[in-house]
Amino acid sequence: MTNDKKMVTITDKALSKINHLMQDAELDGSYFLRVSVKGGGCSGLSYNLDFDNEIKKGDQFFEDKGVRLALDMKSFLYLAGTELDFSDGLNGKGFNFHNPNATRTCGCGESFSV
């Protein structure tokens, strides 16, 4: 296991939402949360979250608060040290990424650049 500064971590609010989504989708314990980065968005790179149960070559695995997280190597380089949060407030609902590697983010918080 790597140290916390290189891990992707989740907040308690994100944990609650992830567990709720997994229960709603009736996913078993073989599924994990795949966190990735892809080209696009107004700042150049965008975040992607999905449930997956297929391990891909080069995947990096972490566990935080009982949730298994998988990142491909490219995404890991961009997301090391990131905290995944969830907001359900009036100013926007959804997952938020607190990424120390981002030098610029867009107004919606769904894309970034380094």
N, C-alpha and C. Protein backbone atom coordinates (compact mmCIF):
# COMPACT_ATOMS: atom_id res chain seq x y z
N MET A 1 0.86 -1.18 0.00
CA MET A 1 0.00 0.00 0.00
C MET A 1 0.90 1.23 0.00
N THR A 2 0.50 2.24 -0.75
CA THR A 2 1.28 3.48 -0.82
C THR A 2 0.86 4.41 0.30
N ASN A 3 1.65 5.48 0.53
CA ASN A 3 1.26 6.40 1.60
C ASN A 3 0.08 7.26 1.16
N ASP A 4 -0.56 7.91 2.14
CA ASP A 4 -1.80 8.63 1.88
C ASP A 4 -1.67 9.74 0.85
N LYS A 5 -0.51 10.36 0.71
CA LYS A 5 -0.34 11.45 -0.24
C LYS A 5 -0.41 10.97 -1.67
N LYS A 6 -0.26 9.67 -1.89
CA LYS A 6 -0.32 9.14 -3.23
C LYS A 6 -1.61 8.39 -3.50
N MET A 7 -2.41 8.23 -2.49
CA MET A 7 -3.68 7.52 -2.63
C MET A 7 -4.79 8.45 -3.08
N VAL A 8 -5.82 7.88 -3.63
CA VAL A 8 -7.08 8.59 -3.82
C VAL A 8 -7.93 8.21 -2.62
N THR A 9 -8.46 9.20 -1.93
CA THR A 9 -9.26 8.96 -0.73
C THR A 9 -10.68 9.46 -0.95
N ILE A 10 -11.58 9.02 -0.09
CA ILE A 10 -12.98 9.44 -0.18
C ILE A 10 -13.44 9.99 1.17
N THR A 11 -14.34 10.95 1.10
CA THR A 11 -14.91 11.52 2.32
C THR A 11 -16.08 10.65 2.78
N ASP A 12 -16.56 10.91 3.98
CA ASP A 12 -17.72 10.16 4.50
C ASP A 12 -18.96 10.38 3.63
N LYS A 13 -19.15 11.61 3.12
CA LYS A 13 -20.31 11.88 2.25
C LYS A 13 -20.21 11.09 0.95
N ALA A 14 -19.00 11.03 0.39
CA ALA A 14 -18.80 10.25 -0.84
C ALA A 14 -19.03 8.76 -0.56
N LEU A 15 -18.55 8.29 0.57
CA LEU A 15 -18.75 6.90 0.95
C LEU A 15 -20.23 6.56 1.01
N SER A 16 -21.01 7.40 1.65
CA SER A 16 -22.44 7.17 1.77
C SER A 16 -23.10 7.09 0.39
N LYS A 17 -22.74 7.99 -0.50
CA LYS A 17 -23.35 8.00 -1.85
C LYS A 17 -22.90 6.79 -2.66
N ILE A 18 -21.64 6.43 -2.57
CA ILE A 18 -21.13 5.25 -3.29
C ILE A 18 -21.86 4.00 -2.83
N ASN A 19 -21.99 3.82 -1.51
CA ASN A 19 -22.70 2.65 -0.98
C ASN A 19 -24.15 2.63 -1.44
N HIS A 20 -24.79 3.80 -1.44
CA HIS A 20 -26.19 3.90 -1.88
C HIS A 20 -26.31 3.51 -3.36
N LEU A 21 -25.41 4.01 -4.20
CA LEU A 21 -25.45 3.70 -5.64
C LEU A 21 -25.20 2.22 -5.89
N MET A 22 -24.28 1.63 -5.13
CA MET A 22 -23.99 0.20 -5.30
C MET A 22 -25.19 -0.65 -4.90
N GLN A 23 -25.86 -0.27 -3.80
CA GLN A 23 -27.05 -1.00 -3.37
C GLN A 23 -28.17 -0.86 -4.39
N ASP A 24 -28.39 0.34 -4.90
CA ASP A 24 -29.43 0.56 -5.91
C ASP A 24 -29.20 -0.27 -7.16
N ALA A 25 -27.92 -0.40 -7.56
CA ALA A 25 -27.58 -1.16 -8.76
C ALA A 25 -27.44 -2.66 -8.47
N GLU A 26 -27.60 -3.05 -7.19
CA GLU A 26 -27.50 -4.44 -6.77
C GLU A 26 -26.16 -5.07 -7.18
N LEU A 27 -25.07 -4.32 -6.94
CA LEU A 27 -23.74 -4.81 -7.28
C LEU A 27 -23.18 -5.60 -6.11
N ASP A 28 -22.52 -6.72 -6.42
CA ASP A 28 -21.94 -7.53 -5.36
C ASP A 28 -20.53 -7.06 -5.03
N GLY A 29 -19.88 -7.75 -4.13
CA GLY A 29 -18.56 -7.38 -3.64
C GLY A 29 -17.44 -7.49 -4.66
N SER A 30 -17.71 -8.03 -5.85
CA SER A 30 -16.67 -8.12 -6.87
C SER A 30 -16.46 -6.79 -7.58
N TYR A 31 -17.37 -5.83 -7.37
CA TYR A 31 -17.28 -4.53 -8.04
C TYR A 31 -16.45 -3.56 -7.22
N PHE A 32 -15.80 -2.67 -7.93
CA PHE A 32 -15.01 -1.61 -7.31
C PHE A 32 -15.30 -0.32 -8.06
N LEU A 33 -14.84 0.78 -7.51
CA LEU A 33 -15.05 2.09 -8.13
C LEU A 33 -13.83 2.41 -8.99
N ARG A 34 -14.06 2.56 -10.30
CA ARG A 34 -12.98 2.95 -11.21
C ARG A 34 -13.00 4.46 -11.33
N VAL A 35 -11.87 5.07 -10.97
CA VAL A 35 -11.69 6.51 -11.05
C VAL A 35 -10.69 6.76 -12.17
N SER A 36 -11.07 7.60 -13.14
CA SER A 36 -10.17 7.80 -14.27
C SER A 36 -10.23 9.23 -14.79
N VAL A 37 -9.28 9.51 -15.65
CA VAL A 37 -9.18 10.81 -16.31
C VAL A 37 -9.21 10.55 -17.80
N LYS A 38 -9.94 11.39 -18.51
CA LYS A 38 -9.95 11.30 -19.97
C LYS A 38 -9.83 12.69 -20.55
N GLY A 39 -9.37 12.77 -21.78
CA GLY A 39 -9.25 14.05 -22.46
C GLY A 39 -10.63 14.63 -22.71
N GLY A 40 -10.74 15.95 -22.54
CA GLY A 40 -12.01 16.62 -22.81
C GLY A 40 -12.36 17.60 -21.72
N GLY A 41 -13.50 18.20 -21.84
CA GLY A 41 -13.92 19.20 -20.87
C GLY A 41 -13.32 20.55 -21.21
N CYS A 42 -13.80 21.57 -20.58
CA CYS A 42 -13.35 22.93 -20.92
C CYS A 42 -11.94 23.24 -20.44
N SER A 43 -11.38 22.43 -19.54
CA SER A 43 -10.01 22.66 -19.07
C SER A 43 -9.01 21.65 -19.63
N GLY A 44 -9.45 20.71 -20.45
CA GLY A 44 -8.54 19.78 -21.10
C GLY A 44 -8.64 18.33 -20.65
N LEU A 45 -8.89 18.10 -19.36
CA LEU A 45 -9.03 16.75 -18.84
C LEU A 45 -10.29 16.67 -18.00
N SER A 46 -10.99 15.56 -18.05
CA SER A 46 -12.20 15.43 -17.24
C SER A 46 -12.14 14.15 -16.41
N TYR A 47 -12.85 14.19 -15.30
CA TYR A 47 -12.91 13.08 -14.36
C TYR A 47 -14.00 12.10 -14.80
N ASN A 48 -13.80 10.83 -14.49
CA ASN A 48 -14.78 9.82 -14.80
C ASN A 48 -14.86 8.82 -13.64
N LEU A 49 -16.08 8.48 -13.24
CA LEU A 49 -16.33 7.49 -12.20
C LEU A 49 -17.25 6.43 -12.76
N ASP A 50 -16.96 5.18 -12.42
CA ASP A 50 -17.83 4.10 -12.86
C ASP A 50 -17.58 2.89 -11.97
N PHE A 51 -18.56 2.02 -11.87
CA PHE A 51 -18.37 0.75 -11.18
C PHE A 51 -17.88 -0.26 -12.20
N ASP A 52 -16.95 -1.10 -11.80
CA ASP A 52 -16.34 -2.07 -12.71
C ASP A 52 -16.02 -3.32 -11.91
N ASN A 53 -15.91 -4.45 -12.60
CA ASN A 53 -15.46 -5.67 -11.94
C ASN A 53 -14.42 -6.40 -12.79
N GLU A 54 -13.87 -5.69 -13.79
CA GLU A 54 -12.83 -6.27 -14.63
C GLU A 54 -11.51 -5.55 -14.36
N ILE A 55 -10.52 -6.31 -13.95
CA ILE A 55 -9.20 -5.75 -13.69
C ILE A 55 -8.46 -5.64 -15.02
N LYS A 56 -7.88 -4.46 -15.25
CA LYS A 56 -7.15 -4.20 -16.49
C LYS A 56 -5.65 -4.13 -16.19
N LYS A 57 -4.85 -4.47 -17.18
CA LYS A 57 -3.40 -4.44 -17.01
C LYS A 57 -2.98 -3.03 -16.60
N GLY A 58 -2.15 -2.95 -15.58
CA GLY A 58 -1.64 -1.67 -15.12
C GLY A 58 -2.50 -0.98 -14.08
N ASP A 59 -3.63 -1.58 -13.71
CA ASP A 59 -4.49 -0.97 -12.69
C ASP A 59 -3.75 -0.82 -11.37
N GLN A 60 -3.97 0.29 -10.72
CA GLN A 60 -3.47 0.55 -9.38
C GLN A 60 -4.68 0.49 -8.45
N PHE A 61 -4.61 -0.28 -7.37
CA PHE A 61 -5.74 -0.44 -6.46
C PHE A 61 -5.44 0.20 -5.11
N PHE A 62 -6.46 0.82 -4.55
CA PHE A 62 -6.40 1.43 -3.23
C PHE A 62 -7.69 1.07 -2.51
N GLU A 63 -7.67 1.15 -1.22
CA GLU A 63 -8.90 0.96 -0.45
C GLU A 63 -8.97 2.07 0.58
N ASP A 64 -10.13 2.71 0.63
CA ASP A 64 -10.35 3.74 1.64
C ASP A 64 -11.77 3.57 2.16
N LYS A 65 -11.89 3.52 3.47
CA LYS A 65 -13.19 3.37 4.14
C LYS A 65 -13.97 2.15 3.63
N GLY A 66 -13.23 1.10 3.27
CA GLY A 66 -13.87 -0.13 2.82
C GLY A 66 -14.26 -0.17 1.36
N VAL A 67 -13.97 0.89 0.60
CA VAL A 67 -14.29 0.94 -0.83
C VAL A 67 -13.01 0.70 -1.62
N ARG A 68 -13.07 -0.27 -2.54
CA ARG A 68 -11.93 -0.52 -3.42
C ARG A 68 -11.99 0.45 -4.58
N LEU A 69 -10.86 1.11 -4.83
CA LEU A 69 -10.73 2.09 -5.91
C LEU A 69 -9.69 1.59 -6.89
N ALA A 70 -9.98 1.67 -8.18
CA ALA A 70 -9.03 1.28 -9.22
C ALA A 70 -8.75 2.47 -10.13
N LEU A 71 -7.48 2.66 -10.46
CA LEU A 71 -7.05 3.69 -11.38
C LEU A 71 -6.09 3.08 -12.38
N ASP A 72 -6.23 3.43 -13.66
CA ASP A 72 -5.22 3.03 -14.62
C ASP A 72 -3.99 3.89 -14.36
N MET A 73 -2.83 3.50 -14.88
CA MET A 73 -1.59 4.19 -14.56
C MET A 73 -1.61 5.65 -14.98
N LYS A 74 -2.15 5.97 -16.15
CA LYS A 74 -2.22 7.36 -16.60
C LYS A 74 -3.05 8.19 -15.64
N SER A 75 -4.20 7.69 -15.25
CA SER A 75 -5.07 8.42 -14.34
C SER A 75 -4.41 8.57 -12.97
N PHE A 76 -3.71 7.55 -12.53
CA PHE A 76 -3.03 7.62 -11.24
C PHE A 76 -2.04 8.78 -11.21
N LEU A 77 -1.32 8.99 -12.31
CA LEU A 77 -0.35 10.08 -12.35
C LEU A 77 -1.02 11.44 -12.17
N TYR A 78 -2.23 11.59 -12.69
CA TYR A 78 -2.96 12.86 -12.56
C TYR A 78 -3.71 12.99 -11.23
N LEU A 79 -4.06 11.86 -10.63
CA LEU A 79 -4.97 11.88 -9.47
C LEU A 79 -4.33 11.53 -8.13
N ALA A 80 -3.04 11.26 -8.09
CA ALA A 80 -2.40 10.91 -6.82
C ALA A 80 -2.64 12.02 -5.80
N GLY A 81 -3.14 11.65 -4.63
CA GLY A 81 -3.41 12.61 -3.57
C GLY A 81 -4.79 13.25 -3.62
N THR A 82 -5.61 12.86 -4.58
CA THR A 82 -6.94 13.46 -4.74
C THR A 82 -7.92 12.93 -3.70
N GLU A 83 -8.80 13.80 -3.25
CA GLU A 83 -9.89 13.42 -2.34
C GLU A 83 -11.20 13.51 -3.11
N LEU A 84 -11.99 12.44 -3.05
CA LEU A 84 -13.29 12.40 -3.69
C LEU A 84 -14.35 12.74 -2.65
N ASP A 85 -15.17 13.74 -2.95
CA ASP A 85 -16.21 14.20 -2.03
C ASP A 85 -17.54 14.15 -2.76
N PHE A 86 -18.62 14.31 -2.02
CA PHE A 86 -19.95 14.38 -2.60
C PHE A 86 -20.70 15.54 -1.97
N SER A 87 -21.37 16.30 -2.81
CA SER A 87 -22.16 17.43 -2.33
C SER A 87 -23.60 17.23 -2.77
N ASP A 88 -24.52 17.48 -1.85
CA ASP A 88 -25.94 17.41 -2.21
C ASP A 88 -26.63 18.73 -1.89
N GLY A 89 -25.85 19.80 -1.89
CA GLY A 89 -26.38 21.12 -1.56
C GLY A 89 -27.05 21.81 -2.73
N LEU A 90 -27.57 22.99 -2.46
CA LEU A 90 -28.28 23.76 -3.47
C LEU A 90 -27.36 24.29 -4.56
N ASN A 91 -26.07 24.43 -4.27
CA ASN A 91 -25.13 24.97 -5.25
C ASN A 91 -24.58 23.91 -6.19
N GLY A 92 -25.15 22.77 -6.19
CA GLY A 92 -24.71 21.71 -7.09
C GLY A 92 -24.64 20.38 -6.38
N LYS A 93 -25.12 19.36 -7.06
CA LYS A 93 -25.08 18.02 -6.52
C LYS A 93 -24.13 17.19 -7.34
N GLY A 94 -23.44 16.31 -6.66
CA GLY A 94 -22.58 15.38 -7.37
C GLY A 94 -21.25 15.20 -6.69
N PHE A 95 -20.43 14.37 -7.33
CA PHE A 95 -19.10 14.10 -6.82
C PHE A 95 -18.17 15.25 -7.17
N ASN A 96 -17.29 15.58 -6.23
CA ASN A 96 -16.31 16.64 -6.41
C ASN A 96 -14.93 16.06 -6.17
N PHE A 97 -13.98 16.49 -6.97
CA PHE A 97 -12.60 16.05 -6.85
C PHE A 97 -11.75 17.19 -6.30
N HIS A 98 -11.10 16.95 -5.19
CA HIS A 98 -10.15 17.92 -4.62
C HIS A 98 -8.76 17.41 -5.00
N ASN A 99 -8.29 17.89 -6.15
CA ASN A 99 -7.08 17.36 -6.77
C ASN A 99 -5.91 18.33 -6.59
N PRO A 100 -4.91 17.95 -5.78
CA PRO A 100 -3.77 18.84 -5.55
C PRO A 100 -2.89 19.02 -6.78
N ASN A 101 -3.06 18.19 -7.79
CA ASN A 101 -2.25 18.26 -9.00
C ASN A 101 -2.81 19.22 -10.04
N ALA A 102 -4.07 19.62 -9.89
CA ALA A 102 -4.72 20.49 -10.87
C ALA A 102 -4.21 21.92 -10.71
N THR A 103 -3.79 22.51 -11.82
CA THR A 103 -3.35 23.90 -11.80
C THR A 103 -4.49 24.83 -12.19
N ARG A 104 -5.50 24.27 -12.84
CA ARG A 104 -6.66 25.06 -13.26
C ARG A 104 -7.86 24.12 -13.33
N THR A 105 -9.01 24.58 -12.86
CA THR A 105 -10.25 23.81 -12.98
C THR A 105 -11.31 24.68 -13.63
N CYS A 106 -12.30 24.04 -14.20
CA CYS A 106 -13.39 24.80 -14.80
C CYS A 106 -14.41 25.16 -13.72
N GLY A 107 -15.35 26.00 -14.07
CA GLY A 107 -16.36 26.44 -13.11
C GLY A 107 -17.23 25.33 -12.57
N CYS A 108 -17.50 24.32 -13.37
CA CYS A 108 -18.36 23.21 -12.94
C CYS A 108 -17.60 22.20 -12.10
N GLY A 109 -16.26 22.25 -12.13
CA GLY A 109 -15.46 21.32 -11.34
C GLY A 109 -15.32 19.94 -11.95
N GLU A 110 -15.78 19.76 -13.18
CA GLU A 110 -15.71 18.44 -13.80
C GLU A 110 -14.51 18.25 -14.70
N SER A 111 -13.75 19.33 -14.93
CA SER A 111 -12.54 19.18 -15.73
C SER A 111 -11.42 20.02 -15.13
N PHE A 112 -10.19 19.71 -15.54
CA PHE A 112 -9.03 20.35 -14.96
C PHE A 112 -7.87 20.28 -15.94
N SER A 113 -6.79 20.98 -15.61
CA SER A 113 -5.55 20.86 -16.35
C SER A 113 -4.41 20.83 -15.34
N VAL A 114 -3.26 20.34 -15.80
CA VAL A 114 -2.08 20.26 -14.92
C VAL A 114 -0.93 21.01 -15.56
